Amino acid sequence: MPLDERDFYLESRTTRKIDLNCPYCRTQGSYELPWVVRKKKGALPRGADERDRAKFQKVQSYMVLAQDKVACGNVRCRKMFDVSGTKTLAFLTD
């Protein structure tokens, strides 16, 4: 039975600050966005076959944006808006 892609990574969560503009009230604010960090394991998991070895050689560590909407920080607005103009996937270098 082949391994699942999740078996190749150690998964954790982190937050990063980013400056965004609300499209409704035009207020600029700093928002903490949650990211899922997937780091490649140091060794191949047990029970791997040749296809799994080939996949493991190609995988890279990366971060994925976990939430694509935020609420405006302006107390008069508070509308939800999409996080646009921001990368939702970032590859990590070791």
Protein backbone atom coordinates (compact mmCIF):
# COMPACT_ATOMS: atom_id res chain seq x y z
CA MET A 1 0.00 0.00 0.00
CA PRO A 2 1.56 3.36 -1.03
CA LEU A 3 2.14 6.05 1.56
CA ASP A 4 0.00 9.17 1.71
CA GLU A 5 1.63 12.55 1.01
CA ARG A 6 0.97 13.60 4.63
CA ASP A 7 3.40 10.88 5.79
CA PHE A 8 6.30 12.84 4.25
CA TYR A 9 5.73 16.04 6.32
CA LEU A 10 5.74 17.34 9.87
CA GLU A 11 2.82 19.76 10.14
CA SER A 12 2.56 22.80 12.43
CA ARG A 13 0.72 26.12 12.54
CA THR A 14 2.04 29.66 12.75
CA THR A 15 0.84 33.24 12.23
CA ARG A 16 2.40 36.03 10.19
CA LYS A 17 1.56 39.74 10.15
CA ILE A 18 0.61 41.40 6.90
CA ASP A 19 -0.66 44.87 6.02
CA LEU A 20 -3.96 44.87 4.12
CA ASN A 21 -6.46 47.48 2.93
CA CYS A 22 -10.18 46.96 3.48
CA PRO A 23 -11.95 47.29 0.10
CA TYR A 24 -15.10 48.68 1.77
CA CYS A 25 -13.85 51.45 4.07
CA ARG A 26 -10.30 51.79 2.61
CA THR A 27 -8.72 51.49 6.06
CA GLN A 28 -5.22 50.01 6.18
CA GLY A 29 -4.45 47.62 9.02
CA SER A 30 -2.06 44.94 10.17
CA TYR A 31 -3.62 41.47 10.34
CA GLU A 32 -2.34 38.20 11.82
CA LEU A 33 -2.96 35.50 9.22
CA PRO A 34 -2.77 31.79 10.14
CA TRP A 35 -0.49 29.55 8.07
CA VAL A 36 -0.04 25.77 7.97
CA VAL A 37 3.66 24.89 7.79
CA ARG A 38 4.60 21.51 6.30
CA LYS A 39 8.27 20.61 6.71
CA LYS A 40 9.78 17.63 4.95
CA LYS A 41 10.78 14.82 7.31
CA GLY A 42 14.45 13.99 7.58
CA ALA A 43 14.03 10.35 6.59
CA LEU A 44 11.64 8.28 4.55
CA PRO A 45 8.87 6.66 6.67
CA ARG A 46 8.77 2.88 7.18
CA GLY A 47 7.00 0.70 4.67
CA ALA A 48 7.94 2.81 1.65
CA ASP A 49 8.34 1.26 -1.79
CA GLU A 50 10.18 2.56 -4.88
CA ARG A 51 7.37 4.92 -5.93
CA ASP A 52 7.31 6.42 -2.44
CA ARG A 53 11.10 6.92 -2.54
CA ALA A 54 10.78 8.80 -5.84
CA LYS A 55 7.98 11.00 -4.44
CA PHE A 56 9.96 11.68 -1.25
CA GLN A 57 12.94 12.92 -3.27
CA LYS A 58 10.73 15.52 -5.00
CA VAL A 59 8.77 16.92 -2.03
CA GLN A 60 9.70 20.33 -0.57
CA SER A 61 8.84 22.15 2.64
CA TYR A 62 6.13 24.78 2.22
CA MET A 63 3.56 27.03 3.92
CA VAL A 64 -0.12 27.35 2.96
CA LEU A 65 -2.43 30.18 3.98
CA ALA A 66 -5.09 28.62 6.23
CA GLN A 67 -7.65 31.43 6.12
CA ASP A 68 -8.52 33.47 3.04
CA LYS A 69 -10.91 35.98 4.65
CA VAL A 70 -10.39 38.49 7.46
CA ALA A 71 -12.66 40.93 9.26
CA CYS A 72 -11.85 44.63 8.91
CA GLY A 73 -10.11 46.08 11.95
CA ASN A 74 -12.14 49.30 11.78
CA VAL A 75 -14.87 49.06 14.46
CA ARG A 76 -17.33 50.94 12.23
CA CYS A 77 -16.86 48.55 9.29
CA ARG A 78 -16.04 45.01 10.53
CA LYS A 79 -16.91 43.51 7.13
CA MET A 80 -15.25 40.30 5.96
CA PHE A 81 -13.04 40.62 2.90
CA ASP A 82 -10.81 38.32 0.84
CA VAL A 83 -7.07 38.36 1.32
CA SER A 84 -6.03 39.36 -2.18
CA GLY A 85 -2.66 40.37 -3.53
CA THR A 86 -1.00 37.95 -1.12
CA LYS A 87 0.62 34.65 -1.96
CA THR A 88 -1.27 31.71 -0.50
CA LEU A 89 1.60 29.25 -0.93
CA ALA A 90 5.25 29.79 -0.07
CA PHE A 91 8.07 27.26 -0.46
CA LEU A 92 10.58 27.16 2.40
CA THR A 93 14.34 26.86 2.00
CA ASP A 94 16.29 24.71 4.43
